[in-house]
């Protein structure tokens, strides 16, 4: 921070923070006093009365005023300083997901420093559905944004001096219906069909053999009735097997 005026006749010069805290006091041709709070962090340049601040934190943000006392007391320079620290990586969590007509829909929440955004996303875009207030690009409050790029949901956390992000691949959130679960069901159905063919074949063979060996006279309708009862038994057994498997 610099002073543009040409200062000649002065007794005392000060840099102040928020009009109340002295940072540096300069007594003409006698001494320069740096307040203990700013020792090691504030450097006063006597040649042009400039003030250099180092190792700033957010608490150092505010109004800095240069004032002189001599024939007249007056403020000769003011600076409004905003200090922003590096943002932390955001936390991205999945609240809900579903797949309808092969379209994956995901609801996620992105959390940053004292703010959060909830968005509904698919493979193409995201739209905000809730969350706390977000900072603007020109604000000291960090900005949270959620969007889709390259098959991933991206949460970006940024301010005017830094940014960080967190990503999730959409395909890892929504399992495709052609995945392992449906492949298992398909395998079960194939096995059930094979078992039906085997049981029906064995059952029919057993009935034929029994009819040949039996000395009793069975009508065709009686034999058919026996076969139908056998098939009903086989059907109920297979249904119970499939239900237990699923």
C-alpha atoms as a PDB file:
ATOM      1  CA  UNK A   1       0.000   0.000   0.000  1.00  0.00           C
ATOM      2  CA  UNK A   2       1.483   3.317  -1.100  1.00  0.00           C
ATOM      3  CA  UNK A   3       1.016   7.032  -0.437  1.00  0.00           C
ATOM      4  CA  UNK A   4       0.813   9.214  -3.537  1.00  0.00           C
ATOM      5  CA  UNK A   5       1.052  12.615  -1.861  1.00  0.00           C
ATOM      6  CA  UNK A   6       4.377  14.344  -1.418  1.00  0.00           C
ATOM      7  CA  UNK A   7       4.728  14.603   2.349  1.00  0.00           C
ATOM      8  CA  UNK A   8       7.096  17.299   3.602  1.00  0.00           C
ATOM      9  CA  UNK A   9       5.807  18.967   6.729  1.00  0.00           C
ATOM     10  CA  UNK A  10       4.654  16.322   9.162  1.00  0.00           C
ATOM     11  CA  UNK A  11       5.311  15.416  12.760  1.00  0.00           C
ATOM     12  CA  UNK A  12       3.731  11.986  12.927  1.00  0.00           C
ATOM     13  CA  UNK A  13       2.565   9.453  10.337  1.00  0.00           C
ATOM     14  CA  UNK A  14       0.424   6.375  10.953  1.00  0.00           C
ATOM     15  CA  UNK A  15      -0.934   3.386   9.148  1.00  0.00           C
ATOM     16  CA  UNK A  16      -4.127   2.205  10.904  1.00  0.00           C
ATOM     17  CA  UNK A  17      -6.350  -0.843  10.525  1.00  0.00           C
ATOM     18  CA  UNK A  18     -10.124  -0.216  10.612  1.00  0.00           C
ATOM     19  CA  UNK A  19      -9.437   3.318  11.980  1.00  0.00           C
ATOM     20  CA  UNK A  20      -8.649   2.006  15.484  1.00  0.00           C
ATOM     21  CA  UNK A  21      -5.655  -0.371  15.457  1.00  0.00           C
ATOM     22  CA  UNK A  22      -2.250   1.179  14.856  1.00  0.00           C
ATOM     23  CA  UNK A  23      -0.080  -0.845  12.494  1.00  0.00           C
ATOM     24  CA  UNK A  24       2.903   1.492  12.156  1.00  0.00           C
ATOM     25  CA  UNK A  25       3.691   4.861  13.752  1.00  0.00           C
ATOM     26  CA  UNK A  26       6.429   6.999  12.200  1.00  0.00           C
ATOM     27  CA  UNK A  27       7.796   9.991  14.093  1.00  0.00           C
ATOM     28  CA  UNK A  28       9.660  12.237  11.684  1.00  0.00           C
ATOM     29  CA  UNK A  29      13.429  11.719  11.840  1.00  0.00           C
ATOM     30  CA  UNK A  30      13.141  10.018  15.226  1.00  0.00           C
ATOM     31  CA  UNK A  31      11.769   6.470  15.062  1.00  0.00           C
ATOM     32  CA  UNK A  32       9.424   3.972  13.441  1.00  0.00           C
ATOM     33  CA  UNK A  33       7.242   1.871  15.739  1.00  0.00           C
ATOM     34  CA  UNK A  34       5.545  -1.301  14.530  1.00  0.00           C
ATOM     35  CA  UNK A  35       2.743  -2.508  16.799  1.00  0.00           C
ATOM     36  CA  UNK A  36       3.538  -5.832  18.481  1.00  0.00           C
ATOM     37  CA  UNK A  37       0.635  -7.560  16.711  1.00  0.00           C
ATOM     38  CA  UNK A  38       2.244  -6.770  13.341  1.00  0.00           C
ATOM     39  CA  UNK A  39       5.901  -7.273  14.182  1.00  0.00           C
ATOM     40  CA  UNK A  40       7.497  -9.593  11.643  1.00  0.00           C
ATOM     41  CA  UNK A  41       4.522  -9.120   9.295  1.00  0.00           C
ATOM     42  CA  UNK A  42       4.524  -5.365   8.593  1.00  0.00           C
ATOM     43  CA  UNK A  43       7.309  -3.479   6.840  1.00  0.00           C
ATOM     44  CA  UNK A  44       7.308   0.328   6.655  1.00  0.00           C
ATOM     45  CA  UNK A  45       9.270   2.019   3.859  1.00  0.00           C
ATOM     46  CA  UNK A  46      10.291   5.525   4.981  1.00  0.00           C
ATOM     47  CA  UNK A  47      11.226   6.739   1.512  1.00  0.00           C
ATOM     48  CA  UNK A  48       7.643   6.746   0.245  1.00  0.00           C
ATOM     49  CA  UNK A  49       5.701   5.912   3.456  1.00  0.00           C
ATOM     50  CA  UNK A  50       4.463   2.633   1.958  1.00  0.00           C
ATOM     51  CA  UNK A  51       3.262  -0.320   4.037  1.00  0.00           C
ATOM     52  CA  UNK A  52       4.021  -3.935   3.114  1.00  0.00           C
ATOM     53  CA  UNK A  53       2.027  -6.668   4.902  1.00  0.00           C
ATOM     54  CA  UNK A  54       3.160 -10.307   4.890  1.00  0.00           C
ATOM     55  CA  UNK A  55       1.614 -13.678   5.797  1.00  0.00           C
ATOM     56  CA  UNK A  56      -1.939 -12.365   5.664  1.00  0.00           C
ATOM     57  CA  UNK A  57      -4.909 -14.280   7.021  1.00  0.00           C
ATOM     58  CA  UNK A  58      -8.646 -13.690   6.576  1.00  0.00           C
ATOM     59  CA  UNK A  59      -8.632 -11.729   9.822  1.00  0.00           C
ATOM     60  CA  UNK A  60      -6.382  -9.125   8.183  1.00  0.00           C
ATOM     61  CA  UNK A  61      -9.109  -8.115   5.755  1.00  0.00           C
ATOM     62  CA  UNK A  62     -10.488  -4.614   6.284  1.00  0.00           C
ATOM     63  CA  UNK A  63      -9.775  -0.916   5.800  1.00  0.00           C
ATOM     64  CA  UNK A  64      -6.204   0.395   6.053  1.00  0.00           C
ATOM     65  CA  UNK A  65      -5.785   4.152   6.443  1.00  0.00           C
ATOM     66  CA  UNK A  66      -2.699   6.354   6.195  1.00  0.00           C
ATOM     67  CA  UNK A  67      -2.936   9.497   8.352  1.00  0.00           C
ATOM     68  CA  UNK A  68      -0.618  12.394   9.108  1.00  0.00           C
ATOM     69  CA  UNK A  69      -0.473  14.939  11.876  1.00  0.00           C
ATOM     70  CA  UNK A  70       1.329  18.244  11.486  1.00  0.00           C
ATOM     71  CA  UNK A  71      -0.054  21.622  10.621  1.00  0.00           C
ATOM     72  CA  UNK A  72      -3.264  19.702   9.899  1.00  0.00           C
ATOM     73  CA  UNK A  73      -4.426  16.191  10.724  1.00  0.00           C
ATOM     74  CA  UNK A  74      -5.825  14.347   7.758  1.00  0.00           C
ATOM     75  CA  UNK A  75      -6.233  10.958   6.086  1.00  0.00           C
ATOM     76  CA  UNK A  76      -4.199  10.766   2.912  1.00  0.00           C
ATOM     77  CA  UNK A  77      -4.820   7.207   1.701  1.00  0.00           C
ATOM     78  CA  UNK A  78      -7.304   4.386   2.241  1.00  0.00           C
ATOM     79  CA  UNK A  79      -7.266   0.785   1.048  1.00  0.00           C
ATOM     80  CA  UNK A  80      -9.988  -1.829   1.453  1.00  0.00           C
ATOM     81  CA  UNK A  81      -8.210  -5.181   1.605  1.00  0.00           C
ATOM     82  CA  UNK A  82      -9.926  -8.537   1.079  1.00  0.00           C
ATOM     83  CA  UNK A  83      -8.024 -11.679   2.100  1.00  0.00           C
ATOM     84  CA  UNK A  84      -9.019 -15.123   0.829  1.00  0.00           C
ATOM     85  CA  UNK A  85      -7.429 -18.388   1.878  1.00  0.00           C
ATOM     86  CA  UNK A  86      -6.979 -21.389  -0.391  1.00  0.00           C
ATOM     87  CA  UNK A  87     -10.226 -23.387  -0.627  1.00  0.00           C
ATOM     88  CA  UNK A  88     -10.398 -26.951   0.645  1.00  0.00           C
ATOM     89  CA  UNK A  89     -11.343 -29.888  -1.647  1.00  0.00           C
ATOM     90  CA  UNK A  90     -15.145 -30.297  -1.608  1.00  0.00           C
ATOM     91  CA  UNK A  91     -16.978 -33.406  -0.378  1.00  0.00           C
ATOM     92  CA  UNK A  92     -19.270 -35.012  -2.982  1.00  0.00           C
ATOM     93  CA  UNK A  93     -21.878 -37.554  -1.792  1.00  0.00           C
ATOM     94  CA  UNK A  94     -24.685 -39.483  -3.509  1.00  0.00           C
ATOM     95  CA  UNK A  95     -28.129 -38.968  -1.943  1.00  0.00           C
ATOM     96  CA  UNK A  96     -30.211 -41.036  -4.395  1.00  0.00           C
ATOM     97  CA  UNK A  97     -29.891 -42.787  -7.744  1.00  0.00           C
ATOM     98  CA  UNK A  98     -32.218 -44.629 -10.112  1.00  0.00           C
ATOM     99  CA  UNK A  99     -32.214 -45.970 -13.668  1.00  0.00           C
ATOM    100  CA  UNK A 100     -35.372 -45.509 -15.775  1.00  0.00           C
ATOM    101  CA  UNK A 101     -35.474 -46.515 -19.449  1.00  0.00           C
ATOM    102  CA  UNK A 102     -31.689 -46.954 -19.395  1.00  0.00           C
ATOM    103  CA  UNK A 103     -31.226 -43.327 -18.176  1.00  0.00           C
ATOM    104  CA  UNK A 104     -29.296 -42.915 -14.936  1.00  0.00           C
ATOM    105  CA  UNK A 105     -30.551 -40.155 -12.628  1.00  0.00           C
ATOM    106  CA  UNK A 106     -28.456 -39.168  -9.609  1.00  0.00           C
ATOM    107  CA  UNK A 107     -29.036 -36.704  -6.781  1.00  0.00           C
ATOM    108  CA  UNK A 108     -25.778 -35.496  -5.220  1.00  0.00           C
ATOM    109  CA  UNK A 109     -24.755 -33.005  -2.550  1.00  0.00           C
ATOM    110  CA  UNK A 110     -21.534 -31.020  -2.804  1.00  0.00           C
ATOM    111  CA  UNK A 111     -20.214 -29.531   0.450  1.00  0.00           C
ATOM    112  CA  UNK A 112     -17.558 -26.859   0.814  1.00  0.00           C
ATOM    113  CA  UNK A 113     -16.568 -24.367   3.491  1.00  0.00           C
ATOM    114  CA  UNK A 114     -19.814 -23.379   5.270  1.00  0.00           C
ATOM    115  CA  UNK A 115     -21.923 -23.962   2.151  1.00  0.00           C
ATOM    116  CA  UNK A 116     -23.497 -26.815   0.179  1.00  0.00           C
ATOM    117  CA  UNK A 117     -25.383 -27.454  -3.061  1.00  0.00           C
ATOM    118  CA  UNK A 118     -27.747 -30.318  -3.929  1.00  0.00           C
ATOM    119  CA  UNK A 119     -28.156 -31.127  -7.630  1.00  0.00           C
ATOM    120  CA  UNK A 120     -30.003 -33.635  -9.803  1.00  0.00           C
ATOM    121  CA  UNK A 121     -27.814 -35.024 -12.587  1.00  0.00           C
ATOM    122  CA  UNK A 122     -27.955 -37.408 -15.531  1.00  0.00           C
ATOM    123  CA  UNK A 123     -25.351 -38.309 -18.127  1.00  0.00           C
ATOM    124  CA  UNK A 124     -25.642 -34.897 -19.804  1.00  0.00           C
ATOM    125  CA  UNK A 125     -26.420 -32.159 -17.314  1.00  0.00           C
ATOM    126  CA  UNK A 126     -27.037 -31.142 -13.688  1.00  0.00           C
ATOM    127  CA  UNK A 127     -29.624 -28.802 -12.202  1.00  0.00           C
ATOM    128  CA  UNK A 128     -29.674 -27.403  -8.675  1.00  0.00           C
ATOM    129  CA  UNK A 129     -32.567 -28.641  -6.533  1.00  0.00           C
ATOM    130  CA  UNK A 130     -31.559 -27.324  -3.122  1.00  0.00           C
ATOM    131  CA  UNK A 131     -28.795 -26.176  -0.840  1.00  0.00           C
ATOM    132  CA  UNK A 132     -27.535 -23.136   0.974  1.00  0.00           C
ATOM    133  CA  UNK A 133     -26.613 -19.821  -0.592  1.00  0.00           C
ATOM    134  CA  UNK A 134     -23.567 -19.884  -2.844  1.00  0.00           C
ATOM    135  CA  UNK A 135     -20.956 -17.212  -3.308  1.00  0.00           C
ATOM    136  CA  UNK A 136     -20.754 -15.133  -6.458  1.00  0.00           C
ATOM    137  CA  UNK A 137     -17.630 -15.047  -8.582  1.00  0.00           C
ATOM    138  CA  UNK A 138     -16.772 -11.567  -7.246  1.00  0.00           C
ATOM    139  CA  UNK A 139     -17.631 -12.396  -3.633  1.00  0.00           C
ATOM    140  CA  UNK A 140     -15.360 -13.404  -0.796  1.00  0.00           C
ATOM    141  CA  UNK A 141     -17.653 -16.392  -0.206  1.00  0.00           C
ATOM    142  CA  UNK A 142     -16.416 -19.528  -2.031  1.00  0.00           C
ATOM    143  CA  UNK A 143     -18.418 -20.643  -5.061  1.00  0.00           C
ATOM    144  CA  UNK A 144     -19.749 -24.210  -5.423  1.00  0.00           C
ATOM    145  CA  UNK A 145     -20.781 -25.519  -8.849  1.00  0.00           C
ATOM    146  CA  UNK A 146     -21.867 -29.009  -9.944  1.00  0.00           C
ATOM    147  CA  UNK A 147     -21.795 -30.131 -13.582  1.00  0.00           C
ATOM    148  CA  UNK A 148     -21.266 -33.150 -15.854  1.00  0.00           C
ATOM    149  CA  UNK A 149     -18.209 -33.614 -18.070  1.00  0.00           C
ATOM    150  CA  UNK A 150     -16.544 -36.670 -19.600  1.00  0.00           C
ATOM    151  CA  UNK A 151     -19.007 -39.124 -18.042  1.00  0.00           C
ATOM    152  CA  UNK A 152     -18.369 -37.807 -14.522  1.00  0.00           C
ATOM    153  CA  UNK A 153     -20.190 -35.575 -12.061  1.00  0.00           C
ATOM    154  CA  UNK A 154     -17.824 -32.787 -11.001  1.00  0.00           C
ATOM    155  CA  UNK A 155     -18.115 -30.553  -7.938  1.00  0.00           C
ATOM    156  CA  UNK A 156     -15.937 -27.441  -8.203  1.00  0.00           C
ATOM    157  CA  UNK A 157     -15.079 -25.330  -5.140  1.00  0.00           C
ATOM    158  CA  UNK A 158     -13.422 -21.992  -5.883  1.00  0.00           C
ATOM    159  CA  UNK A 159     -12.797 -18.410  -4.853  1.00  0.00           C
ATOM    160  CA  UNK A 160     -10.848 -15.566  -6.454  1.00  0.00           C
ATOM    161  CA  UNK A 161      -7.443 -17.056  -5.608  1.00  0.00           C
ATOM    162  CA  UNK A 162      -7.790 -20.866  -5.762  1.00  0.00           C
ATOM    163  CA  UNK A 163      -9.962 -23.823  -6.746  1.00  0.00           C
ATOM    164  CA  UNK A 164     -10.355 -27.555  -6.006  1.00  0.00           C
ATOM    165  CA  UNK A 165     -12.755 -30.233  -7.210  1.00  0.00           C
ATOM    166  CA  UNK A 166     -14.087 -33.735  -6.564  1.00  0.00           C
ATOM    167  CA  UNK A 167     -15.451 -36.143  -9.194  1.00  0.00           C
ATOM    168  CA  UNK A 168     -17.555 -39.305  -9.448  1.00  0.00           C
ATOM    169  CA  UNK A 169     -17.987 -41.482 -12.541  1.00  0.00           C
ATOM    170  CA  UNK A 170     -21.664 -41.885 -13.376  1.00  0.00           C
ATOM    171  CA  UNK A 171     -21.226 -45.512 -14.494  1.00  0.00           C
ATOM    172  CA  UNK A 172     -19.936 -46.439 -11.033  1.00  0.00           C
ATOM    173  CA  UNK A 173     -23.031 -44.907  -9.397  1.00  0.00           C
ATOM    174  CA  UNK A 174     -25.737 -46.486 -11.577  1.00  0.00           C
ATOM    175  CA  UNK A 175     -25.217 -50.161 -12.397  1.00  0.00           C
ATOM    176  CA  UNK A 176     -26.398 -50.992 -15.916  1.00  0.00           C
ATOM    177  CA  UNK A 177     -29.381 -53.306 -16.242  1.00  0.00           C
ATOM    178  CA  UNK A 178     -27.214 -55.496 -18.444  1.00  0.00           C
ATOM    179  CA  UNK A 179     -24.844 -55.946 -15.573  1.00  0.00           C
ATOM    180  CA  UNK A 180     -24.136 -58.937 -13.313  1.00  0.00           C
ATOM    181  CA  UNK A 181     -27.552 -58.925 -11.601  1.00  0.00           C
ATOM    182  CA  UNK A 182     -29.481 -59.465 -14.818  1.00  0.00           C
ATOM    183  CA  UNK A 183     -26.902 -61.910 -16.084  1.00  0.00           C
ATOM    184  CA  UNK A 184     -27.531 -64.005 -12.958  1.00  0.00           C
ATOM    185  CA  UNK A 185     -31.295 -64.000 -13.585  1.00  0.00           C
ATOM    186  CA  UNK A 186     -30.731 -65.012 -17.205  1.00  0.00           C
ATOM    187  CA  UNK A 187     -28.545 -67.926 -16.082  1.00  0.00           C
ATOM    188  CA  UNK A 188     -31.209 -69.049 -13.603  1.00  0.00           C
ATOM    189  CA  UNK A 189     -33.889 -69.071 -16.304  1.00  0.00           C
ATOM    190  CA  UNK A 190     -31.718 -71.189 -18.603  1.00  0.00           C
ATOM    191  CA  UNK A 191     -31.094 -73.684 -15.803  1.00  0.00           C
ATOM    192  CA  UNK A 192     -34.809 -73.816 -14.981  1.00  0.00           C
ATOM    193  CA  UNK A 193     -35.698 -74.595 -18.613  1.00  0.00           C
ATOM    194  CA  UNK A 194     -33.092 -77.382 -18.729  1.00  0.00           C
ATOM    195  CA  UNK A 195     -34.409 -78.839 -15.459  1.00  0.00           C
ATOM    196  CA  UNK A 196     -37.983 -78.751 -16.802  1.00  0.00           C
ATOM    197  CA  UNK A 197     -36.957 -80.641 -19.949  1.00  0.00           C
ATOM    198  CA  UNK A 198     -35.082 -83.260 -17.917  1.00  0.00           C
ATOM    199  CA  UNK A 199     -37.885 -83.752 -15.374  1.00  0.00           C
ATOM    200  CA  UNK A 200     -40.601 -83.922 -18.024  1.00  0.00           C
ATOM    201  CA  UNK A 201     -38.525 -86.434 -20.001  1.00  0.00           C
ATOM    202  CA  UNK A 202     -37.857 -88.606 -16.953  1.00  0.00           C
ATOM    203  CA  UNK A 203     -41.448 -88.318 -15.810  1.00  0.00           C
ATOM    204  CA  UNK A 204     -42.820 -89.326 -19.209  1.00  0.00           C
ATOM    205  CA  UNK A 205     -40.430 -92.248 -19.416  1.00  0.00           C
ATOM    206  CA  UNK A 206     -41.423 -93.413 -15.940  1.00  0.00           C
ATOM    207  CA  UNK A 207     -45.131 -93.266 -16.776  1.00  0.00           C
ATOM    208  CA  UNK A 208     -44.642 -95.242 -19.997  1.00  0.00           C
ATOM    209  CA  UNK A 209     -42.599 -97.908 -18.211  1.00  0.00           C
ATOM    210  CA  UNK A 210     -45.161 -98.148 -15.447  1.00  0.00           C
ATOM    211  CA  UNK A 211     -47.983 -98.575 -17.959  1.00  0.00           C
ATOM    212  CA  UNK A 212     -46.148-101.355 -19.750  1.00  0.00           C
ATOM    213  CA  UNK A 213     -45.469-103.284 -16.564  1.00  0.00           C
ATOM    214  CA  UNK A 214     -48.804-102.718 -14.901  1.00  0.00           C
ATOM    215  CA  UNK A 215     -51.274-105.559 -15.192  1.00  0.00           C
ATOM    216  CA  UNK A 216     -54.176-103.271 -14.478  1.00  0.00           C
ATOM    217  CA  UNK A 217     -56.028-101.732 -17.347  1.00  0.00           C
ATOM    218  CA  UNK A 218     -55.789 -97.983 -17.513  1.00  0.00           C
ATOM    219  CA  UNK A 219     -57.696 -95.939 -19.954  1.00  0.00           C
ATOM    220  CA  UNK A 220     -55.976 -93.252 -21.976  1.00  0.00           C
ATOM    221  CA  UNK A 221     -57.761 -90.542 -19.956  1.00  0.00           C
ATOM    222  CA  UNK A 222     -56.507 -92.038 -16.690  1.00  0.00           C
ATOM    223  CA  UNK A 223     -52.946 -92.072 -17.991  1.00  0.00           C
ATOM    224  CA  UNK A 224     -53.335 -88.507 -19.162  1.00  0.00           C
ATOM    225  CA  UNK A 225     -54.687 -87.482 -15.764  1.00  0.00           C
ATOM    226  CA  UNK A 226     -51.679 -89.071 -14.080  1.00  0.00           C
ATOM    227  CA  UNK A 227     -49.314 -87.191 -16.391  1.00  0.00           C
ATOM    228  CA  UNK A 228     -51.058 -83.860 -15.749  1.00  0.00           C
ATOM    229  CA  UNK A 229     -50.797 -84.375 -11.973  1.00  0.00           C
ATOM    230  CA  UNK A 230     -47.097 -85.098 -12.378  1.00  0.00           C
ATOM    231  CA  UNK A 231     -46.578 -81.931 -14.410  1.00  0.00           C
ATOM    232  CA  UNK A 232     -48.430 -79.820 -11.812  1.00  0.00           C
ATOM    233  CA  UNK A 233     -46.128 -81.218  -9.135  1.00  0.00           C
ATOM    234  CA  UNK A 234     -43.067 -80.469 -11.257  1.00  0.00           C
ATOM    235  CA  UNK A 235     -44.294 -76.905 -11.919  1.00  0.00           C
ATOM    236  CA  UNK A 236     -44.851 -76.139  -8.215  1.00  0.00           C
ATOM    237  CA  UNK A 237     -41.406 -77.516  -7.397  1.00  0.00           C
ATOM    238  CA  UNK A 238     -39.706 -75.330 -10.044  1.00  0.00           C
ATOM    239  CA  UNK A 239     -41.583 -72.165  -8.975  1.00  0.00           C
ATOM    240  CA  UNK A 240     -40.510 -72.668  -5.370  1.00  0.00           C
ATOM    241  CA  UNK A 241     -36.923 -73.202  -6.529  1.00  0.00           C
ATOM    242  CA  UNK A 242     -36.910 -69.975  -8.600  1.00  0.00           C
ATOM    243  CA  UNK A 243     -38.488 -67.918  -5.795  1.00  0.00           C
ATOM    244  CA  UNK A 244     -35.875 -69.133  -3.322  1.00  0.00           C
ATOM    245  CA  UNK A 245     -33.063 -68.367  -5.795  1.00  0.00           C
ATOM    246  CA  UNK A 246     -34.263 -64.795  -6.462  1.00  0.00           C
END
